[in-house]
């Protein structure tokens, strides 16, 4: 079977849940894991040793609701609440109708948009945070 252009995934078919709530107004999600490394020198060569992993997450949402009041109340009272984020891509043109789905647990938020506005423009809010990579679980994969 040859690869065709229609097999490429489209974010149009992505769905996002935060703490069990489907986020209909979501526009973009990016979750990534970075390896922290230390240099290891052998003679003239410098190699590296992975020492830890760091998870980062960014979510962009179209402004519809005042969504972050509860998170802000928790933060200002000293409570470092954590979230679960589930993301799914189920493009109907995916090979054999497969989908990709991830669960990110122990998500903390670093940046919480309290108020964003721009005249003449639709409003987008961006949340950034992190997660422990060992709490990222690939629930479904799109396989060859």
N, C-alpha and C. Protein backbone atom coordinates (compact mmCIF):
# COMPACT_ATOMS: atom_id res chain seq x y z
N UNK A 1 0.85 -1.18 0.00
CA UNK A 1 0.00 0.00 0.00
C UNK A 1 0.89 1.23 0.00
N UNK A 2 0.62 2.15 -0.89
CA UNK A 2 1.39 3.37 -0.95
C UNK A 2 0.80 4.45 -0.04
N UNK A 3 1.64 5.37 0.36
CA UNK A 3 1.21 6.48 1.19
C UNK A 3 0.59 7.55 0.31
N UNK A 4 -0.54 8.10 0.72
CA UNK A 4 -1.24 9.13 -0.03
C UNK A 4 -1.36 10.39 0.82
N UNK A 5 -1.55 11.54 0.18
CA UNK A 5 -1.68 12.81 0.89
C UNK A 5 -2.82 12.84 1.88
N UNK A 6 -3.91 12.14 1.56
CA UNK A 6 -5.05 12.16 2.47
C UNK A 6 -4.79 11.37 3.76
N UNK A 7 -3.69 10.60 3.80
CA UNK A 7 -3.35 9.85 5.02
C UNK A 7 -2.71 10.72 6.10
N UNK A 8 -2.28 11.93 5.74
CA UNK A 8 -1.66 12.81 6.72
C UNK A 8 -2.71 13.29 7.72
N UNK A 9 -2.34 13.30 9.00
CA UNK A 9 -3.28 13.70 10.04
C UNK A 9 -3.60 15.18 9.99
N UNK A 10 -4.87 15.51 10.27
CA UNK A 10 -5.32 16.89 10.33
C UNK A 10 -5.83 17.18 11.74
N UNK A 11 -5.36 18.29 12.30
CA UNK A 11 -5.78 18.70 13.64
C UNK A 11 -7.27 18.98 13.74
N UNK A 12 -7.95 19.09 12.60
CA UNK A 12 -9.39 19.28 12.59
C UNK A 12 -10.08 18.18 13.40
N UNK A 13 -9.49 17.01 13.42
CA UNK A 13 -10.11 15.86 14.05
C UNK A 13 -9.59 15.60 15.46
N UNK A 14 -8.88 16.55 16.03
CA UNK A 14 -8.34 16.38 17.38
C UNK A 14 -9.39 16.78 18.43
N UNK A 15 -9.35 16.11 19.56
CA UNK A 15 -10.25 16.38 20.68
C UNK A 15 -9.41 16.43 21.95
N UNK A 16 -9.83 17.30 22.88
CA UNK A 16 -9.07 17.51 24.11
C UNK A 16 -10.00 17.48 25.32
N UNK A 17 -9.55 16.81 26.38
CA UNK A 17 -10.24 16.82 27.66
C UNK A 17 -9.26 17.27 28.73
N UNK A 18 -9.69 18.16 29.61
CA UNK A 18 -8.89 18.54 30.78
C UNK A 18 -9.73 18.24 32.01
N UNK A 19 -9.19 17.39 32.87
CA UNK A 19 -9.89 16.95 34.09
C UNK A 19 -11.29 16.42 33.77
N UNK A 20 -11.38 15.66 32.68
CA UNK A 20 -12.64 15.02 32.32
C UNK A 20 -13.62 15.90 31.57
N UNK A 21 -13.29 17.18 31.38
CA UNK A 21 -14.17 18.11 30.67
C UNK A 21 -13.70 18.24 29.22
N UNK A 22 -14.59 17.95 28.28
CA UNK A 22 -14.25 18.11 26.86
C UNK A 22 -14.14 19.60 26.56
N UNK A 23 -12.99 20.01 26.01
CA UNK A 23 -12.71 21.41 25.72
C UNK A 23 -13.05 21.66 24.25
N UNK A 24 -14.31 22.03 24.00
CA UNK A 24 -14.78 22.22 22.63
C UNK A 24 -14.08 23.39 21.94
N UNK A 25 -13.64 24.38 22.73
CA UNK A 25 -13.05 25.58 22.15
C UNK A 25 -11.53 25.47 21.99
N UNK A 26 -10.99 24.26 22.17
CA UNK A 26 -9.53 24.10 22.05
C UNK A 26 -9.08 24.28 20.61
N UNK A 27 -7.90 24.90 20.44
CA UNK A 27 -7.35 25.17 19.11
C UNK A 27 -6.06 24.42 18.84
N UNK A 28 -5.23 24.22 19.90
CA UNK A 28 -3.92 23.60 19.68
C UNK A 28 -3.42 23.01 20.99
N UNK A 29 -2.75 21.88 20.87
CA UNK A 29 -2.04 21.29 22.00
C UNK A 29 -0.69 20.81 21.51
N UNK A 30 0.31 21.02 22.34
CA UNK A 30 1.64 20.46 22.08
C UNK A 30 2.18 19.94 23.40
N UNK A 31 2.48 18.65 23.42
CA UNK A 31 3.12 18.04 24.58
C UNK A 31 4.42 17.41 24.10
N UNK A 32 5.50 17.69 24.84
CA UNK A 32 6.79 17.14 24.42
C UNK A 32 7.62 16.76 25.64
N UNK A 33 8.56 15.88 25.41
CA UNK A 33 9.50 15.45 26.45
C UNK A 33 10.90 15.81 25.99
N UNK A 34 11.64 16.47 26.86
CA UNK A 34 13.03 16.83 26.58
C UNK A 34 13.95 16.03 27.49
N UNK A 35 15.06 15.57 26.93
CA UNK A 35 16.07 14.87 27.72
C UNK A 35 17.06 15.88 28.27
N UNK A 36 17.26 15.88 29.58
CA UNK A 36 18.32 16.68 30.20
C UNK A 36 19.59 15.83 30.16
N UNK A 37 20.69 16.43 29.75
CA UNK A 37 21.93 15.67 29.54
C UNK A 37 23.12 16.37 30.19
N UNK A 38 24.09 15.57 30.54
CA UNK A 38 25.39 16.06 31.04
C UNK A 38 26.45 15.59 30.06
N UNK A 39 27.45 16.44 29.83
CA UNK A 39 28.55 16.06 28.95
C UNK A 39 29.43 15.00 29.60
N UNK A 40 29.89 14.07 28.77
CA UNK A 40 30.86 13.06 29.19
C UNK A 40 32.00 13.11 28.18
N UNK A 41 33.21 13.40 28.66
CA UNK A 41 34.34 13.54 27.74
C UNK A 41 35.18 12.28 27.71
N UNK A 42 35.51 11.84 26.48
CA UNK A 42 36.40 10.72 26.23
C UNK A 42 37.52 11.25 25.34
N UNK A 43 38.69 11.51 25.91
CA UNK A 43 39.79 12.08 25.12
C UNK A 43 39.34 13.41 24.53
N UNK A 44 39.35 13.52 23.22
CA UNK A 44 38.98 14.76 22.54
C UNK A 44 37.47 14.84 22.26
N UNK A 45 36.79 13.70 22.34
CA UNK A 45 35.36 13.64 22.03
C UNK A 45 34.51 13.98 23.25
N UNK A 46 33.39 14.64 22.98
CA UNK A 46 32.39 14.90 24.02
C UNK A 46 31.11 14.17 23.63
N UNK A 47 30.71 13.28 24.49
CA UNK A 47 29.47 12.52 24.32
C UNK A 47 28.48 13.08 25.35
N UNK A 48 27.38 12.40 25.57
CA UNK A 48 26.44 12.88 26.58
C UNK A 48 25.76 11.72 27.28
N UNK A 49 25.29 11.99 28.48
CA UNK A 49 24.57 11.02 29.29
C UNK A 49 23.23 11.63 29.69
N UNK A 50 22.15 10.95 29.37
CA UNK A 50 20.84 11.43 29.78
C UNK A 50 20.72 11.28 31.30
N UNK A 51 20.32 12.36 31.99
CA UNK A 51 20.22 12.34 33.44
C UNK A 51 18.79 12.45 33.95
N UNK A 52 17.88 12.98 33.12
CA UNK A 52 16.48 13.09 33.52
C UNK A 52 15.64 13.48 32.32
N UNK A 53 14.34 13.40 32.49
CA UNK A 53 13.40 13.80 31.45
C UNK A 53 12.48 14.88 31.99
N UNK A 54 12.09 15.80 31.11
CA UNK A 54 11.20 16.89 31.50
C UNK A 54 10.06 16.97 30.49
N UNK A 55 8.80 16.97 30.99
CA UNK A 55 7.63 17.09 30.14
C UNK A 55 7.13 18.52 30.12
N UNK A 56 6.79 19.00 28.92
CA UNK A 56 6.24 20.35 28.77
C UNK A 56 4.96 20.27 27.95
N UNK A 57 3.98 21.11 28.30
CA UNK A 57 2.71 21.11 27.59
C UNK A 57 2.25 22.54 27.37
N UNK A 58 1.70 22.78 26.18
CA UNK A 58 1.11 24.07 25.83
C UNK A 58 -0.25 23.80 25.21
N UNK A 59 -1.26 24.51 25.71
CA UNK A 59 -2.63 24.38 25.21
C UNK A 59 -3.13 25.77 24.82
N UNK A 60 -3.65 25.90 23.60
CA UNK A 60 -4.25 27.15 23.14
C UNK A 60 -5.75 26.94 23.00
N UNK A 61 -6.50 27.86 23.60
CA UNK A 61 -7.96 27.74 23.66
C UNK A 61 -8.58 29.03 23.17
N UNK A 62 -9.63 28.93 22.36
CA UNK A 62 -10.41 30.11 21.97
C UNK A 62 -11.25 30.56 23.16
N UNK A 63 -11.27 31.85 23.43
CA UNK A 63 -11.97 32.39 24.60
C UNK A 63 -13.49 32.26 24.43
N UNK A 64 -14.10 31.49 25.33
CA UNK A 64 -15.55 31.39 25.42
C UNK A 64 -15.96 31.58 26.88
N UNK A 65 -15.30 30.83 27.78
CA UNK A 65 -15.67 30.82 29.19
C UNK A 65 -14.57 31.44 30.05
N UNK A 66 -14.93 31.84 31.27
CA UNK A 66 -13.94 32.24 32.28
C UNK A 66 -13.51 30.95 32.98
N UNK A 67 -12.49 30.32 32.45
CA UNK A 67 -12.17 28.94 32.83
C UNK A 67 -11.17 28.79 33.97
N UNK A 68 -10.46 29.85 34.34
CA UNK A 68 -9.30 29.64 35.21
C UNK A 68 -9.47 30.23 36.61
N UNK A 69 -10.69 30.67 36.95
CA UNK A 69 -10.91 31.25 38.27
C UNK A 69 -10.62 30.26 39.38
N UNK A 70 -11.05 29.00 39.24
CA UNK A 70 -10.81 28.00 40.27
C UNK A 70 -9.33 27.68 40.42
N UNK A 71 -8.63 27.59 39.29
CA UNK A 71 -7.18 27.33 39.35
C UNK A 71 -6.49 28.48 40.08
N UNK A 72 -6.86 29.71 39.75
CA UNK A 72 -6.26 30.88 40.39
C UNK A 72 -6.55 30.89 41.89
N UNK A 73 -7.77 30.56 42.29
CA UNK A 73 -8.12 30.50 43.72
C UNK A 73 -7.26 29.47 44.45
N UNK A 74 -7.07 28.32 43.82
CA UNK A 74 -6.21 27.30 44.43
C UNK A 74 -4.78 27.80 44.57
N UNK A 75 -4.24 28.41 43.51
CA UNK A 75 -2.86 28.89 43.55
C UNK A 75 -2.67 29.96 44.62
N UNK A 76 -3.60 30.92 44.70
CA UNK A 76 -3.43 32.00 45.68
C UNK A 76 -3.63 31.53 47.11
N UNK A 77 -4.24 30.35 47.29
CA UNK A 77 -4.35 29.79 48.64
C UNK A 77 -3.24 28.78 48.92
N UNK A 78 -2.27 28.69 47.98
CA UNK A 78 -1.10 27.84 48.20
C UNK A 78 -1.27 26.40 47.75
N UNK A 79 -2.35 26.08 47.08
CA UNK A 79 -2.59 24.71 46.62
C UNK A 79 -2.08 24.54 45.19
N UNK A 80 -1.15 23.62 45.02
CA UNK A 80 -0.57 23.32 43.71
C UNK A 80 -1.35 22.16 43.10
N UNK A 81 -2.52 22.47 42.55
CA UNK A 81 -3.38 21.43 42.00
C UNK A 81 -2.81 20.87 40.71
N UNK A 82 -3.13 19.63 40.45
CA UNK A 82 -2.65 18.95 39.25
C UNK A 82 -3.84 18.53 38.40
N UNK A 83 -3.60 18.39 37.11
CA UNK A 83 -4.65 18.06 36.15
C UNK A 83 -4.30 16.80 35.38
N UNK A 84 -5.32 16.27 34.72
CA UNK A 84 -5.14 15.21 33.74
C UNK A 84 -5.58 15.78 32.39
N UNK A 85 -4.77 15.58 31.36
CA UNK A 85 -5.08 16.02 30.01
C UNK A 85 -5.10 14.79 29.12
N UNK A 86 -6.18 14.63 28.36
CA UNK A 86 -6.26 13.55 27.38
C UNK A 86 -6.46 14.19 26.01
N UNK A 87 -5.65 13.78 25.05
CA UNK A 87 -5.72 14.30 23.69
C UNK A 87 -5.89 13.14 22.72
N UNK A 88 -6.76 13.37 21.73
CA UNK A 88 -7.05 12.32 20.75
C UNK A 88 -7.05 12.91 19.35
N UNK A 89 -6.46 12.19 18.40
CA UNK A 89 -6.52 12.53 16.98
C UNK A 89 -7.15 11.34 16.26
N UNK A 90 -8.35 11.55 15.72
CA UNK A 90 -9.07 10.48 15.03
C UNK A 90 -9.49 10.97 13.64
N UNK A 91 -8.51 11.20 12.79
CA UNK A 91 -8.77 11.63 11.42
C UNK A 91 -9.39 10.46 10.66
N UNK A 92 -10.55 10.66 10.02
CA UNK A 92 -11.18 9.54 9.30
C UNK A 92 -10.34 9.00 8.14
N UNK A 93 -9.37 9.77 7.65
CA UNK A 93 -8.49 9.30 6.57
C UNK A 93 -7.23 8.62 7.09
N UNK A 94 -7.11 8.47 8.40
CA UNK A 94 -5.94 7.81 8.98
C UNK A 94 -5.86 6.38 8.46
N UNK A 95 -4.65 5.86 8.27
CA UNK A 95 -4.52 4.49 7.77
C UNK A 95 -5.34 3.50 8.60
N UNK A 96 -6.20 2.77 7.91
CA UNK A 96 -7.08 1.77 8.52
C UNK A 96 -7.98 2.35 9.61
N UNK A 97 -8.27 3.66 9.55
CA UNK A 97 -9.17 4.29 10.51
C UNK A 97 -8.65 4.34 11.93
N UNK A 98 -7.32 4.22 12.10
CA UNK A 98 -6.73 4.21 13.44
C UNK A 98 -6.74 5.61 14.05
N UNK A 99 -6.55 5.68 15.35
CA UNK A 99 -6.46 6.95 16.07
C UNK A 99 -5.25 6.94 16.99
N UNK A 100 -4.80 8.15 17.36
CA UNK A 100 -3.74 8.31 18.35
C UNK A 100 -4.35 8.99 19.56
N UNK A 101 -4.04 8.46 20.75
CA UNK A 101 -4.59 9.02 21.98
C UNK A 101 -3.53 8.96 23.08
N UNK A 102 -3.42 10.07 23.82
CA UNK A 102 -2.46 10.19 24.91
C UNK A 102 -3.15 10.66 26.17
N UNK A 103 -2.68 10.18 27.31
CA UNK A 103 -3.11 10.68 28.61
C UNK A 103 -1.88 11.25 29.31
N UNK A 104 -1.99 12.49 29.77
CA UNK A 104 -0.93 13.15 30.52
C UNK A 104 -1.47 13.41 31.93
N UNK A 105 -0.90 12.73 32.91
CA UNK A 105 -1.30 12.92 34.30
C UNK A 105 -0.25 13.75 35.02
N UNK A 106 -0.61 14.23 36.20
CA UNK A 106 0.28 15.07 37.02
C UNK A 106 0.71 16.32 36.25
N UNK A 107 -0.25 16.94 35.55
CA UNK A 107 0.02 18.17 34.79
C UNK A 107 -0.11 19.37 35.72
N UNK A 108 0.93 20.21 35.73
CA UNK A 108 0.86 21.47 36.47
C UNK A 108 0.88 22.61 35.46
N UNK A 109 0.25 23.71 35.86
CA UNK A 109 0.18 24.87 34.97
C UNK A 109 1.12 25.95 35.46
N UNK A 110 1.97 26.47 34.59
CA UNK A 110 2.90 27.55 34.92
C UNK A 110 2.31 28.91 34.60
N UNK A 111 1.68 29.00 33.44
CA UNK A 111 1.10 30.27 32.98
C UNK A 111 -0.39 30.07 32.81
N UNK A 112 -1.17 30.92 33.52
CA UNK A 112 -2.62 30.86 33.44
C UNK A 112 -3.12 32.21 32.94
N UNK A 113 -3.80 32.24 31.79
CA UNK A 113 -4.29 33.52 31.28
C UNK A 113 -5.49 33.99 32.09
N UNK A 114 -5.37 35.15 32.71
CA UNK A 114 -6.48 35.70 33.48
C UNK A 114 -7.33 36.64 32.63
N UNK A 115 -6.69 37.44 31.79
CA UNK A 115 -7.45 38.34 30.92
C UNK A 115 -6.63 38.61 29.67
N UNK A 116 -7.24 38.35 28.52
CA UNK A 116 -6.60 38.57 27.22
C UNK A 116 -7.63 39.23 26.31
N UNK A 117 -7.26 40.29 25.61
CA UNK A 117 -8.16 40.91 24.64
C UNK A 117 -7.35 41.67 23.61
N UNK A 118 -7.85 41.67 22.38
CA UNK A 118 -7.24 42.44 21.31
C UNK A 118 -8.38 42.95 20.43
N UNK A 119 -8.42 44.26 20.24
CA UNK A 119 -9.51 44.83 19.44
C UNK A 119 -9.54 44.23 18.04
N UNK A 120 -10.75 43.91 17.60
CA UNK A 120 -10.94 43.41 16.24
C UNK A 120 -10.46 42.00 16.01
N UNK A 121 -10.15 41.25 17.08
CA UNK A 121 -9.62 39.91 16.89
C UNK A 121 -10.32 38.92 17.81
N UNK A 122 -10.42 37.67 17.35
CA UNK A 122 -10.89 36.62 18.24
C UNK A 122 -9.84 36.40 19.32
N UNK A 123 -10.28 36.09 20.52
CA UNK A 123 -9.36 35.96 21.65
C UNK A 123 -8.92 34.51 21.80
N UNK A 124 -7.62 34.32 21.96
CA UNK A 124 -7.04 33.02 22.25
C UNK A 124 -6.32 33.10 23.58
N UNK A 125 -6.44 32.05 24.38
CA UNK A 125 -5.73 31.96 25.65
C UNK A 125 -4.76 30.79 25.58
N UNK A 126 -3.56 30.98 26.11
CA UNK A 126 -2.54 29.93 26.06
C UNK A 126 -2.12 29.56 27.47
N UNK A 127 -2.24 28.28 27.78
CA UNK A 127 -1.77 27.75 29.05
C UNK A 127 -0.47 27.00 28.79
N UNK A 128 0.50 27.19 29.66
CA UNK A 128 1.74 26.40 29.56
C UNK A 128 1.97 25.72 30.89
N UNK A 129 2.62 24.59 30.83
CA UNK A 129 2.90 23.85 32.06
C UNK A 129 3.83 22.70 31.80
N UNK A 130 3.81 21.78 32.72
CA UNK A 130 4.67 20.61 32.63
C UNK A 130 3.96 19.37 33.14
N UNK A 131 4.62 18.24 32.97
CA UNK A 131 4.11 16.96 33.46
C UNK A 131 5.29 16.03 33.67
N UNK A 132 5.09 15.02 34.49
CA UNK A 132 6.14 14.04 34.68
C UNK A 132 6.05 13.02 33.53
N UNK A 133 7.14 12.86 32.77
CA UNK A 133 7.09 11.98 31.60
C UNK A 133 6.64 10.55 31.91
N UNK A 134 6.94 10.06 33.11
CA UNK A 134 6.51 8.69 33.43
C UNK A 134 5.00 8.61 33.60
N UNK A 135 4.30 9.77 33.67
CA UNK A 135 2.85 9.79 33.76
C UNK A 135 2.19 10.07 32.41
N UNK A 136 2.96 10.04 31.33
CA UNK A 136 2.41 10.16 29.97
C UNK A 136 2.20 8.74 29.43
N UNK A 137 0.98 8.44 29.03
CA UNK A 137 0.65 7.10 28.57
C UNK A 137 0.05 7.19 27.17
N UNK A 138 0.65 6.46 26.23
CA UNK A 138 0.12 6.36 24.87
C UNK A 138 -0.99 5.31 24.89
N UNK A 139 -2.24 5.76 24.80
CA UNK A 139 -3.39 4.84 24.87
C UNK A 139 -3.68 4.17 23.55
N UNK A 140 -3.48 4.86 22.43
CA UNK A 140 -3.70 4.32 21.10
C UNK A 140 -2.64 4.88 20.16
N UNK A 141 -2.18 4.08 19.20
CA UNK A 141 -1.18 4.51 18.23
C UNK A 141 -1.67 4.25 16.82
N UNK A 142 -1.20 5.07 15.90
CA UNK A 142 -1.46 4.83 14.47
C UNK A 142 -0.25 4.05 13.94
N UNK A 143 -0.49 2.82 13.57
CA UNK A 143 0.60 1.92 13.17
C UNK A 143 0.64 1.76 11.65
N UNK A 144 1.83 1.38 11.18
CA UNK A 144 2.03 1.11 9.75
C UNK A 144 1.25 -0.12 9.35
